[in-house]
Structures are given as C-alpha cells and as structure tokens.
Amino acid sequence: MNGVDGLAAAVREAVKHQQPASAKRGVIEGNFVRIGSRSYPFSAAVDCHTDDGCCVWVQLTQNGHAVIVGA
C-alpha cells in the first residue's frame, strides 16, 4: 500500500507486536535499513529523512519488515 493507508497499516503492524524498549538503531542503505549485520526492507518512515547513510530508530515486525519510528 502507498500513502496514508500504507503508513497506517505499517504502524499498526509494528505496534501490534511491540515489546518494551524494542526499538533498534539502524542506518538507511538504499531501500533497506541495516541493523548490525542484517538488512531489513522498510515500508514506512515517519517525520524523518530516509536518505542513504541516515541513522534512524527502527521497530521490527514479525514478518521481517522495519518501521522507522524516528531519527
């Protein structure tokens, strides 16, 4: 999905499986966010830059996608 509906769906998925203090720090690399030695596709970015090299806070979902929750 794209637009507001896609953003809402991605945030709902991340919040549904959220655990306390589970946000992780990652770096944007193309269409993926790298956390440690692993890369995850991201489907939503909220109020932050998603250019290559940007550091972001990420909430991982159970299906292996990342939701960017802050810079």
Protein backbone atom coordinates (compact mmCIF):
# COMPACT_ATOMS: atom_id res chain seq x y z
CA MET A 1 0.00 0.00 0.00
CA ASN A 2 1.01 3.57 -0.50
CA GLY A 3 0.19 6.87 1.09
CA VAL A 4 -1.60 7.34 4.39
CA ASP A 5 -3.26 3.91 4.29
CA GLY A 6 0.10 2.17 3.83
CA LEU A 7 1.66 4.19 6.62
CA ALA A 8 -1.22 3.40 8.98
CA ALA A 9 -1.03 -0.34 8.17
CA ALA A 10 2.74 -0.45 8.78
CA VAL A 11 2.47 1.40 12.10
CA ARG A 12 -0.41 -0.85 13.23
CA GLU A 13 1.68 -3.94 12.43
CA ALA A 14 4.67 -2.62 14.39
CA VAL A 15 2.60 -1.61 17.42
CA LYS A 16 0.68 -4.90 17.48
CA HIS A 17 3.87 -6.89 18.16
CA GLN A 18 5.70 -4.22 20.12
CA GLN A 19 7.79 -5.14 23.13
CA PRO A 20 9.08 -2.63 25.67
CA ALA A 21 12.36 -0.97 24.65
CA SER A 22 12.48 -2.92 21.40
CA ALA A 23 13.36 -0.04 19.05
CA LYS A 24 16.79 -0.50 17.49
CA ARG A 25 19.23 1.91 15.87
CA GLY A 26 19.81 1.41 12.13
CA VAL A 27 21.34 3.04 9.06
CA ILE A 28 19.50 3.56 5.77
CA GLU A 29 21.14 1.84 2.78
CA GLY A 30 19.03 2.21 -0.36
CA ASN A 31 15.62 0.59 0.20
CA PHE A 32 16.82 -1.21 3.32
CA VAL A 33 17.77 -0.33 6.86
CA ARG A 34 20.87 -2.05 8.28
CA ILE A 35 20.91 -3.06 11.93
CA GLY A 36 24.20 -4.69 12.84
CA SER A 37 24.97 -7.19 10.09
CA ARG A 38 21.36 -7.64 8.90
CA SER A 39 19.30 -5.56 6.48
CA TYR A 40 15.52 -5.17 6.53
CA PRO A 41 13.17 -3.60 3.98
CA PHE A 42 11.24 -0.66 5.37
CA SER A 43 7.74 0.29 4.37
CA ALA A 44 7.07 3.46 6.34
CA ALA A 45 9.04 6.45 7.53
CA VAL A 46 7.52 8.94 9.94
CA ASP A 47 8.78 12.51 10.02
CA CYS A 48 12.45 11.82 9.23
CA HIS A 49 14.90 11.65 6.32
CA THR A 50 15.42 8.32 4.57
CA ASP A 51 18.49 9.21 2.51
CA ASP A 52 21.41 6.77 2.34
CA GLY A 53 23.52 6.96 5.48
CA CYS A 54 20.82 8.46 7.73
CA CYS A 55 20.65 6.98 11.24
CA VAL A 56 17.14 6.05 12.35
CA TRP A 57 15.28 4.27 15.15
CA VAL A 58 13.50 1.17 13.89
CA GLN A 59 10.73 -1.05 15.19
CA LEU A 60 10.90 -4.55 13.64
CA THR A 61 7.77 -6.51 12.79
CA GLN A 62 7.37 -10.28 12.94
CA ASN A 63 7.23 -10.51 9.15
CA GLY A 64 10.76 -9.13 8.79
CA HIS A 65 9.97 -5.55 7.83
CA ALA A 66 11.12 -2.42 9.60
CA VAL A 67 9.05 0.60 10.55
CA ILE A 68 11.07 3.74 11.01
CA VAL A 69 9.86 5.48 14.15
CA GLY A 70 12.33 8.35 14.48
CA ALA A 71 15.68 9.88 13.59
